Protein backbone atom coordinates (compact mmCIF):
# COMPACT_ATOMS: atom_id res chain seq x y z
CA MET A 1 -1.53 -49.39 43.18
CA GLU A 2 0.11 -47.57 46.08
CA THR A 3 -1.74 -45.06 48.25
CA LYS A 4 0.37 -42.13 47.03
CA GLN A 5 -0.52 -42.98 43.44
CA LEU A 6 -4.24 -43.11 44.22
CA VAL A 7 -3.98 -39.77 46.01
CA PHE A 8 -2.16 -38.30 43.02
CA ILE A 9 -4.89 -39.49 40.62
CA VAL A 10 -7.59 -37.98 42.82
CA LEU A 11 -5.68 -34.70 43.00
CA THR A 12 -5.27 -34.70 39.21
CA MET A 13 -9.03 -35.09 38.73
CA GLY A 14 -9.62 -32.08 40.98
CA ILE A 15 -6.70 -29.78 40.20
CA ILE A 16 -6.86 -29.75 36.39
CA PRO A 17 -10.58 -28.75 36.14
CA SER A 18 -10.08 -26.14 38.88
CA THR A 19 -7.04 -24.53 37.29
CA VAL A 20 -8.69 -24.56 33.86
CA TRP A 21 -11.73 -22.73 35.26
CA LEU A 22 -9.52 -20.18 36.99
CA GLY A 23 -7.43 -19.68 33.85
CA ILE A 24 -10.51 -19.10 31.71
CA THR A 25 -12.12 -16.76 34.22
CA TYR A 26 -9.15 -14.62 35.27
CA LYS A 27 -6.22 -13.38 33.21
CA TRP A 28 -3.97 -13.35 36.29
CA ALA A 29 -4.72 -17.05 36.77
CA GLU A 30 -3.74 -17.76 33.17
CA ARG A 31 -0.44 -16.00 33.82
CA GLY A 32 -0.08 -18.09 36.96
CA LEU A 33 -0.53 -21.24 34.89
CA VAL A 34 2.17 -20.08 32.47
CA ALA A 35 4.55 -19.37 35.34
CA GLY A 36 3.73 -22.70 37.00
CA ALA A 37 4.11 -24.67 33.77
CA PHE A 38 7.53 -23.37 32.79
CA LEU A 39 9.03 -22.51 36.19
CA SER A 40 8.27 -26.04 37.40
CA THR A 41 10.58 -27.50 34.73
CA SER A 42 13.41 -26.63 37.09
CA TYR A 43 11.89 -28.43 40.08
CA LEU A 44 10.11 -31.54 38.85
CA ILE A 45 7.58 -32.87 41.34
CA ASP A 46 6.78 -36.19 39.67
CA ILE A 47 5.32 -39.49 40.69
CA ASN A 48 6.28 -42.77 39.03
CA PHE A 49 3.66 -45.32 38.07
CA VAL A 50 5.03 -48.90 37.78
CA SER A 51 8.07 -47.50 39.57
CA MET A 52 11.36 -49.41 39.22
CA GLU A 53 13.76 -47.26 41.22
CA MET A 54 16.59 -49.81 41.14
CA TYR A 55 16.77 -49.77 37.35
CA ARG A 56 19.79 -47.81 36.06
CA GLY A 57 18.27 -46.55 32.81
CA ASP A 58 17.38 -42.95 32.00
CA THR A 59 13.74 -43.41 33.14
CA ARG A 60 12.47 -45.58 35.99
CA GLY A 61 8.71 -45.37 35.70
CA PHE A 62 5.80 -43.73 33.93
CA GLU A 63 6.47 -40.18 35.08
CA PHE A 64 3.69 -37.67 35.66
CA GLY A 65 3.65 -34.62 37.88
CA PHE A 66 3.04 -30.97 38.66
CA THR A 67 4.45 -29.75 35.34
CA ASP A 68 1.99 -31.96 33.47
CA TRP A 69 -0.89 -30.56 35.53
CA MET A 70 0.10 -27.04 34.58
CA ILE A 71 0.85 -27.79 30.91
CA ILE A 72 -2.45 -29.66 30.36
CA SER A 73 -4.42 -26.94 32.15
CA LEU A 74 -2.73 -24.17 30.16
CA PHE A 75 -3.39 -25.94 26.87
CA LEU A 76 -7.08 -26.40 27.73
CA VAL A 77 -7.33 -22.71 28.65
CA MET A 78 -5.79 -21.79 25.30
CA LEU A 79 -8.38 -23.98 23.52
CA ILE A 80 -11.43 -22.76 25.46
CA SER A 81 -10.83 -19.25 26.82
CA PRO A 82 -12.56 -16.34 25.00
CA ARG A 83 -9.26 -14.44 25.27
CA TRP A 84 -7.77 -16.93 22.81
CA ARG A 85 -10.46 -16.82 20.11
CA ARG A 86 -8.41 -14.51 17.92
CA ARG A 87 -5.30 -16.65 18.24
CA LYS A 88 -4.85 -19.70 16.07
CA ILE A 89 -3.83 -22.90 17.84
CA THR A 90 -1.36 -24.86 15.71
CA LEU A 91 -1.11 -28.59 16.37
CA LEU A 92 1.96 -28.98 14.14
CA PRO A 93 4.57 -26.33 14.99
CA PRO A 94 7.71 -26.00 12.81
CA ASN A 95 9.91 -29.13 12.89
CA SER A 96 6.98 -31.25 14.11
CA GLY A 97 7.54 -33.66 11.22
CA LEU A 98 10.98 -34.67 12.47
CA ALA A 99 9.81 -34.63 16.10
CA ILE A 100 6.99 -37.06 15.25
CA THR A 101 9.37 -39.20 13.17
CA TYR A 102 11.73 -39.35 16.15
CA PHE A 103 8.86 -40.50 18.37
CA LEU A 104 7.76 -43.14 15.83
CA VAL A 105 11.28 -44.54 15.52
CA ALA A 106 11.42 -44.72 19.32
CA LEU A 107 8.09 -46.56 19.23
CA LEU A 108 9.43 -49.08 16.71
CA SER A 109 12.45 -49.70 18.90
CA ALA A 110 10.11 -50.21 21.85
CA LEU A 111 8.19 -52.91 20.00
CA VAL A 112 11.36 -54.98 19.52
CA SER A 113 12.97 -54.08 22.85
CA TYR A 114 14.28 -56.60 25.36
CA VAL A 115 12.01 -55.21 28.10
CA GLN A 116 9.05 -53.29 26.70
CA VAL A 117 7.99 -51.68 29.95
CA TYR A 118 11.37 -49.92 30.17
CA ALA A 119 10.85 -48.65 26.63
CA GLY A 120 7.37 -47.50 27.64
CA PHE A 121 8.90 -45.35 30.37
CA GLY A 122 11.04 -43.60 27.75
CA LEU A 123 8.16 -43.14 25.29
CA VAL A 124 6.04 -41.39 27.90
CA LYS A 125 8.90 -39.00 28.64
CA ILE A 126 9.34 -38.11 24.96
CA PHE A 127 5.58 -37.59 24.62
CA ARG A 128 5.58 -35.29 27.67
CA GLY A 129 8.32 -33.24 26.06
CA MET A 130 6.39 -32.97 22.79
CA VAL A 131 3.33 -31.66 24.65
CA VAL A 132 5.51 -29.03 26.34
CA PHE A 133 6.86 -28.11 22.88
CA LEU A 134 3.32 -27.72 21.51
CA VAL A 135 2.16 -25.52 24.40
CA ALA A 136 5.34 -23.40 24.43
CA TYR A 137 4.99 -22.68 20.70
CA ASN A 138 1.30 -21.81 20.84
CA TYR A 139 1.55 -19.65 23.95
CA LEU A 140 4.24 -17.37 22.54
CA ASN A 141 2.68 -14.81 20.19
CA GLU A 142 3.58 -11.30 21.32
CA GLU A 143 6.66 -9.51 22.62
CA GLU A 144 4.88 -9.15 25.97
CA ASP A 145 4.60 -12.96 26.15
CA LEU A 146 8.29 -13.34 25.40
CA ARG A 147 9.32 -10.84 28.07
CA PHE A 148 7.20 -12.70 30.61
CA LEU A 149 8.83 -16.00 29.65
CA ILE A 150 12.30 -14.47 30.02
CA THR A 151 11.28 -13.32 33.49
CA ILE A 152 10.35 -16.94 34.27
CA LEU A 153 13.77 -18.14 33.08
CA GLY A 154 15.34 -15.53 35.33
CA SER A 155 13.27 -16.81 38.25
CA ILE A 156 14.64 -20.30 37.56
CA ILE A 157 18.20 -18.97 37.89
CA VAL A 158 17.36 -17.29 41.20
CA LEU A 159 15.64 -20.45 42.52
CA GLU A 160 18.62 -22.62 41.65
CA PHE A 161 21.03 -20.08 43.11
CA VAL A 162 19.28 -20.21 46.48
CA PHE A 163 19.59 -24.02 46.54
CA VAL A 164 23.22 -24.00 45.38
CA VAL A 165 24.29 -21.42 47.98
CA GLU A 166 22.59 -23.43 50.73
CA GLN A 167 24.30 -26.62 49.55
CA ARG A 168 27.72 -25.02 49.38
CA LEU A 169 27.32 -23.50 52.84
CA THR A 170 26.48 -26.93 54.25
CA GLY A 171 29.64 -28.42 52.74
CA LEU A 172 28.40 -30.10 49.55
CA TYR A 173 31.41 -30.15 47.21
CA ARG A 174 29.54 -30.45 43.89
CA ALA A 175 26.24 -28.58 44.06
CA THR A 176 23.13 -30.22 42.59
CA GLY A 177 20.53 -27.46 43.02
CA THR A 178 17.01 -28.83 42.56
CA THR A 179 18.23 -31.60 40.23
CA PRO A 180 19.33 -35.13 41.14
CA HIS A 181 22.97 -34.68 40.06
CA SER A 182 25.54 -31.92 39.67
CA ASN A 183 26.06 -32.74 35.99
CA THR A 184 22.33 -32.42 35.37
CA LEU A 185 22.28 -29.02 37.06
CA ALA A 186 25.20 -27.83 34.94
CA GLY A 187 23.59 -29.02 31.71
CA TYR A 188 20.27 -27.46 32.65
CA LEU A 189 21.80 -24.10 33.55
CA ASN A 190 24.10 -23.97 30.54
CA MET A 191 21.14 -23.65 28.19
CA ILE A 192 19.55 -20.78 30.11
CA ASN A 193 22.92 -19.07 30.58
CA MET A 194 23.26 -18.76 26.81
CA VAL A 195 19.98 -16.85 26.66
CA PHE A 196 21.00 -14.30 29.29
CA PHE A 197 24.47 -13.83 27.84
CA ALA A 198 22.91 -13.09 24.45
CA LEU A 199 20.46 -10.67 26.06
CA LEU A 200 23.28 -8.92 27.90
CA LEU A 201 25.07 -8.34 24.60
CA GLY A 202 22.05 -7.47 22.50
CA ASP A 203 19.25 -5.97 24.57
CA LYS A 204 19.64 -2.64 26.38
CA SER A 205 16.36 -2.75 28.31
CA ARG A 206 17.24 -4.79 31.42
CA GLN A 207 21.00 -4.68 31.65
CA ARG A 208 21.28 -4.88 35.46
CA MET A 209 19.05 -7.94 35.57
CA TYR A 210 21.03 -9.65 32.82
CA TRP A 211 24.34 -8.98 34.58
CA VAL A 212 23.09 -10.46 37.85
CA LEU A 213 21.47 -13.52 36.27
CA LEU A 214 24.44 -14.29 34.05
CA ALA A 215 26.79 -14.05 37.04
CA MET A 216 24.57 -16.35 39.11
CA GLY A 217 24.20 -18.90 36.32
CA SER A 218 27.89 -19.00 35.45
CA LEU A 219 28.99 -19.32 39.06
CA MET A 220 26.57 -22.20 39.59
CA VAL A 221 28.00 -24.12 36.63
CA LEU A 222 31.47 -23.61 38.12
CA ALA A 223 30.14 -24.81 41.49
CA THR A 224 29.14 -28.15 39.95
CA PHE A 225 32.78 -28.83 38.96
CA SER A 226 31.43 -30.60 35.88
CA ARG A 227 34.39 -30.63 33.51
CA GLY A 228 32.38 -31.15 30.33
CA ALA A 229 29.79 -28.55 31.28
CA ILE A 230 32.43 -25.90 32.05
CA VAL A 231 34.11 -26.43 28.69
CA ALA A 232 30.71 -26.42 26.95
CA MET A 233 29.77 -23.21 28.75
CA LEU A 234 32.87 -21.41 27.48
CA ALA A 235 32.33 -22.79 23.98
CA GLY A 236 28.69 -21.71 24.12
CA TYR A 237 29.58 -18.20 25.21
CA SER A 238 31.99 -18.00 22.28
CA LEU A 239 29.20 -19.03 19.91
CA VAL A 240 26.88 -16.42 21.42
CA ILE A 241 29.53 -13.76 20.70
CA ILE A 242 29.87 -14.92 17.08
CA LEU A 243 26.12 -15.00 16.46
CA SER A 244 25.63 -11.68 18.24
CA TYR A 245 28.10 -10.02 15.91
CA LYS A 246 26.30 -11.63 12.97
CA ASP A 247 23.08 -10.09 14.26
CA LYS A 248 24.59 -6.62 14.70
CA ILE A 249 28.12 -5.24 15.05
CA ASN A 250 28.56 -2.27 17.36
CA ALA A 251 31.07 -0.79 19.79
CA ARG A 252 28.78 -1.38 22.78
CA LYS A 253 29.15 -5.16 22.52
CA SER A 254 32.91 -4.87 22.30
CA ARG A 255 33.01 -2.72 25.44
CA LEU A 256 30.81 -5.22 27.29
CA LEU A 257 33.04 -8.11 26.27
CA LEU A 258 36.14 -6.25 27.45
CA LEU A 259 34.46 -5.55 30.79
CA LEU A 260 33.44 -9.21 31.10
CA ALA A 261 37.01 -10.31 30.42
CA ILE A 262 38.31 -8.00 33.16
CA ILE A 263 35.69 -9.20 35.67
CA SER A 264 36.42 -12.85 34.86
CA VAL A 265 40.08 -12.58 35.91
CA PRO A 266 39.52 -12.43 39.70
CA VAL A 267 36.72 -15.01 39.46
CA PHE A 268 38.93 -17.57 37.76
CA ALA A 269 41.80 -16.67 40.08
CA LYS A 270 39.55 -17.68 42.97
CA VAL A 271 38.03 -20.88 41.55
CA GLY A 272 40.81 -21.74 39.13
CA PRO A 273 42.93 -23.94 41.46
CA ALA A 274 39.94 -26.13 42.36
CA LEU A 275 38.95 -26.44 38.68
CA VAL A 276 42.49 -27.35 37.65
CA GLU A 277 42.60 -30.01 40.35
CA ARG A 278 39.27 -31.39 39.14
CA PHE A 279 40.55 -31.61 35.55
CA LEU A 280 43.97 -33.05 36.39
CA TYR A 281 43.10 -35.56 39.08
CA ALA A 282 39.80 -37.06 37.94
CA PRO A 283 39.97 -40.86 38.33
CA GLU A 284 41.30 -42.67 35.27
CA GLU A 285 38.80 -45.48 35.88
CA SER A 286 36.01 -43.07 34.93
CA GLY A 287 37.43 -42.51 31.46
CA GLU A 288 38.12 -46.22 30.93
CA GLY A 289 34.58 -47.13 31.95
CA ARG A 290 33.13 -44.64 29.48
CA HIS A 291 35.33 -46.02 26.69
CA LEU A 292 34.15 -49.58 27.32
CA ALA A 293 30.52 -48.44 27.45
CA ASN A 294 30.97 -46.74 24.06
CA ILE A 295 32.32 -49.96 22.56
CA ALA A 296 29.38 -51.92 23.96
CA ALA A 297 26.90 -49.40 22.56
CA ILE A 298 28.45 -49.62 19.08
CA SER A 299 28.22 -53.41 19.21
CA MET A 300 24.51 -53.22 20.15
CA ALA A 301 23.86 -50.85 17.25
CA ASN A 302 25.66 -53.13 14.80
CA ASP A 303 23.78 -56.21 16.01
CA HIS A 304 20.25 -54.71 16.06
CA VAL A 305 18.78 -52.75 13.15
CA LEU A 306 16.25 -51.00 15.41
CA GLY A 307 18.49 -51.08 18.47
CA VAL A 308 17.98 -52.97 21.71
CA GLY A 309 15.01 -50.79 22.63
CA LEU A 310 14.46 -47.33 24.06
CA ASN A 311 15.70 -47.10 27.67
CA ASN A 312 17.00 -50.68 27.43
CA TYR A 313 20.77 -50.12 27.29
CA SER A 314 21.18 -50.55 31.04
CA HIS A 315 19.22 -53.79 31.05
CA VAL A 316 21.14 -55.22 28.09
CA ILE A 317 24.59 -54.31 29.44
CA ASN A 318 23.76 -55.95 32.79
CA GLU A 319 21.60 -58.94 31.91
CA THR A 320 22.69 -60.25 28.51
CA GLU A 321 25.81 -61.42 26.68
CA TYR A 322 26.93 -57.78 26.36
CA THR A 323 28.22 -57.93 29.94
CA ARG A 324 31.42 -59.23 28.36
CA PHE A 325 32.35 -55.68 27.38
CA ILE A 326 32.45 -54.33 30.95
CA ASP A 327 33.83 -56.39 33.85
CA ASP A 328 32.94 -54.00 36.66
CA PRO A 329 29.16 -53.92 37.38
CA VAL A 330 29.58 -50.38 38.74
CA ASP A 331 30.32 -49.18 35.20
CA ARG A 332 27.29 -50.94 33.71
CA GLY A 333 24.96 -48.01 34.11
CA ILE A 334 24.38 -46.02 30.95
CA VAL A 335 26.63 -44.95 28.12
CA HIS A 336 27.72 -41.32 28.61
CA ASN A 337 27.28 -40.35 24.98
CA ILE A 338 23.84 -39.34 23.73
CA TYR A 339 24.68 -40.27 20.14
CA LEU A 340 25.85 -43.79 20.95
CA LEU A 341 22.96 -44.17 23.38
CA HIS A 342 20.55 -43.46 20.51
CA ALA A 343 22.44 -45.80 18.20
CA SER A 344 22.41 -48.66 20.71
CA GLU A 345 18.75 -48.25 21.69
CA MET A 346 17.19 -47.06 18.41
CA GLY A 347 19.67 -48.25 15.78
CA TRP A 348 21.84 -46.21 13.46
CA GLY A 349 18.66 -44.99 11.74
CA GLY A 350 17.37 -43.70 15.06
CA LEU A 351 20.64 -41.84 15.61
CA LEU A 352 20.26 -40.24 12.16
CA VAL A 353 16.74 -39.04 12.97
CA TYR A 354 17.93 -37.57 16.28
CA VAL A 355 20.78 -35.70 14.56
CA LEU A 356 18.39 -34.38 11.91
CA LEU A 357 15.92 -33.26 14.59
CA MET A 358 18.55 -31.33 16.52
CA GLY A 359 20.21 -29.99 13.39
CA ASN A 360 16.93 -28.65 12.03
CA PHE A 361 16.21 -26.80 15.28
CA VAL A 362 19.64 -25.21 14.99
CA ARG A 363 18.92 -24.33 11.35
CA LEU A 364 15.57 -22.75 12.23
CA GLY A 365 17.19 -20.80 15.05
CA TYR A 366 20.05 -19.61 12.85
CA ARG A 367 17.52 -18.34 10.29
CA SER A 368 15.93 -16.20 13.02
CA VAL A 369 19.26 -14.60 13.97
CA GLY A 370 19.50 -11.18 12.37
CA LYS A 371 15.99 -11.35 10.89
CA SER A 372 14.41 -9.13 13.51
CA GLU A 373 14.82 -5.37 13.84
CA ASN A 374 13.86 -5.85 17.49
CA GLU A 375 17.06 -6.32 19.54
CA PHE A 376 15.25 -8.24 22.26
CA ILE A 377 13.79 -10.86 19.90
CA GLY A 378 17.05 -11.18 17.98
CA SER A 379 19.00 -11.73 21.19
CA VAL A 380 16.65 -14.48 22.35
CA ALA A 381 17.12 -16.20 18.97
CA VAL A 382 20.91 -16.05 19.43
CA GLY A 383 20.66 -17.40 22.99
CA ILE A 384 18.35 -20.36 22.35
CA THR A 385 20.15 -21.36 19.15
CA SER A 386 23.44 -21.37 21.07
CA ALA A 387 21.77 -23.30 23.90
CA ILE A 388 20.78 -26.13 21.55
CA VAL A 389 24.28 -26.23 20.06
CA VAL A 390 25.72 -26.44 23.59
CA LEU A 391 23.38 -29.34 24.38
CA CYS A 392 24.60 -31.10 21.23
CA LEU A 393 28.23 -30.52 22.21
CA GLN A 394 27.68 -31.90 25.69
CA GLY A 395 25.98 -34.91 24.15
CA SER A 396 29.34 -36.39 23.21
CA LEU A 397 30.22 -36.59 26.91
CA GLU A 398 26.84 -37.05 28.59
CA TRP A 399 23.33 -38.38 27.98
CA PHE A 400 21.75 -35.04 28.94
CA PHE A 401 19.01 -35.08 26.30
CA ARG A 402 17.44 -38.14 27.90
CA GLN A 403 17.58 -36.81 31.47
CA THR A 404 14.04 -35.76 32.34
CA TYR A 405 14.97 -32.26 33.54
CA ILE A 406 16.82 -31.47 30.34
CA THR A 407 14.40 -33.30 28.04
CA ILE A 408 11.55 -31.09 29.24
CA GLU A 409 13.73 -27.95 29.20
CA PHE A 410 14.88 -28.65 25.66
CA TYR A 411 11.37 -29.03 24.28
CA MET A 412 10.30 -25.87 26.12
CA LEU A 413 13.13 -23.76 24.67
CA ALA A 414 12.66 -25.33 21.22
CA GLY A 415 9.00 -24.31 21.31
CA PHE A 416 9.99 -20.74 22.16
CA LEU A 417 12.62 -20.73 19.41
CA VAL A 418 10.33 -21.73 16.55
CA ALA A 419 7.67 -19.26 17.78
CA LEU A 420 10.02 -16.26 17.46
CA PRO A 421 9.06 -15.53 13.81
CA LYS A 422 5.44 -15.15 15.02
CA VAL A 423 6.54 -12.67 17.66
CA ASN A 424 8.64 -10.76 15.15
CA LEU A 425 5.68 -10.56 12.76
CA ALA A 426 3.40 -9.31 15.54
CA VAL A 427 5.92 -6.59 16.48
CA ARG A 428 6.24 -5.53 12.85
CA ARG A 429 2.47 -5.36 12.40
CA ARG A 430 2.11 -3.27 15.54
CA TYR A 431 4.84 -0.93 14.33
CA LEU A 432 3.15 -0.50 10.93
CA ALA A 433 -0.19 0.12 12.63
CA GLU A 434 1.37 2.80 14.84
CA CYS A 435 2.97 4.43 11.80
CA TYR A 436 -0.38 4.45 10.03
CA MET A 437 -2.09 6.03 13.03
CA ARG A 438 0.58 8.71 13.32
CA GLN A 439 0.24 9.47 9.65
CA LEU A 440 -3.54 9.65 9.99
CA LEU A 441 -3.32 12.00 12.98
CA TRP A 442 -0.86 14.19 11.11
CA LYS A 443 -3.22 14.45 8.14
CA GLN A 444 -6.13 15.31 10.39
CA LYS A 445 -4.05 17.96 12.12
CA GLU A 446 -3.03 19.50 8.81
CA ASN A 447 -6.52 19.27 7.38
CA PRO A 448 -9.33 19.02 9.99
CA ALA A 449 -11.79 18.21 7.20
CA TYR A 450 -9.82 15.08 6.23
CA GLN A 451 -11.70 11.80 6.76
CA SER A 452 -10.06 8.41 6.41
C-alpha cells in the first residue's frame, strides 16, 4: 500500500468521528456537513485503491474520497443526533427496489466478468451512488431544507464558472471546469441548468439569482463546445417549458420566455460561428470509431447472457478476439452509448433493468409535477425530472451515467426528487396548522371566554 493511501486511511479514522461529533453537537456543523457532502460532488477529491490509471474503462480503482467522508458523517449524524429523533430514517426510499436490482445484476455480471477487479471498481462506484441517494432522500424533509440544497446547487454553478472563466482566459479552447473532460462538465451542468430554468419560470422568490445562475450555466455548456450536450440542453429547456405549462399556465411565464428569446439572439450571434464550425468540421473518424464500437458492443451482448462484466468493455475490446471490430487501438476505449455499454457489460437483461430504473425515476418525477400548490416545490420537480430525461437523451451519444461525477450527481438529484412528496406534505401540514391557529385566535378574539 502506498504512503498516500495509508495517510488517507489515517485521516478517515480521524475525520469521520470528528465531523460526526461536531454535527451532533452544533446545528451549524450539521449544515456544514450537508454543504460539504453535496457541494463536493462537483469537485471530487478521491483516492484510488488498487489504482490502474492506464486502464481505459469508466473506473480505474476503488474510489473513495472527501464526498464519502461527508456523506458517511452526515448519515451518522442523522442516525444519532437528538435533532433527528422526530424524523424517520428510511432505508428503502422510493424506487429502491429497482436500484437494488440494478446493483444485483451488476454484481452477477461481475462474477462472470473477464477481469473481476475491474468489475469491482464499478460496483464500488454504484454502491457509493446508492449511499448518496439514501442520504439525499432522508435529509430532505422541509421546504427550508430544499431551499438550502438549491443554494448549494447554485454554489456549484458559481464554482464551475470561476474555473471555466480562468481556463478560457488562459487559452483553453474547450473548458473542463473541475471535471476531467469538457463533455463531463457539460453533462454535469446540463442537469443543474434544468433545475434553475424551471425555478426561473415557476418561482418568484429569487428571480435575480435564477437569472444569473441560468446564464452562467448555459454559457459554460456552450464553452465546452460539446455538440451532444448543447443539443441536449436545448431539448431539455424545451421539456422544462412543456412541464412548466403543465404545472401552471400564466402570462408571466410567457413574458419570461419572450424575454429569454430576445436575450438569446446576441448570445448566439456571438458564439454561433464557433458552434457551427464545431458541428460542421468535427473529424469524420470520430463518428466512424463510435459506429464500430457500437457494433462491437452489440456483439458482446449477443455472445454473453450476463455481458462481459461491469467495467470490462475496454479490456475485452483491447485484449480479446473482439479487437477484430476496431483496427485502430486509439478507438478501443469505451463505447459512447450508455445503453450499448450496459448491454455489452451486463447483458440485454441488464440494459432492461437500467432503462426501467431511469424510466421509473422519470415517472415518479412526472407524478410530482403539478401536485404541489407550492410553486417552489413544483418547479424543482419540473427541473429534476427534466434533468433525468436530459441525461437519458445524452446517453445515446455518451456514457455519462457511468462517469463518476455524473453518477454521484444523478443519485443525489434522484434522492431529492423522490423526497419532494415529503416536503410537499410538510408544507401542507404547516399551512393547515397555521389556518387552525388563526381560526383559534379569531374565536378567542370574538369570545374571550372560549377555550379550545
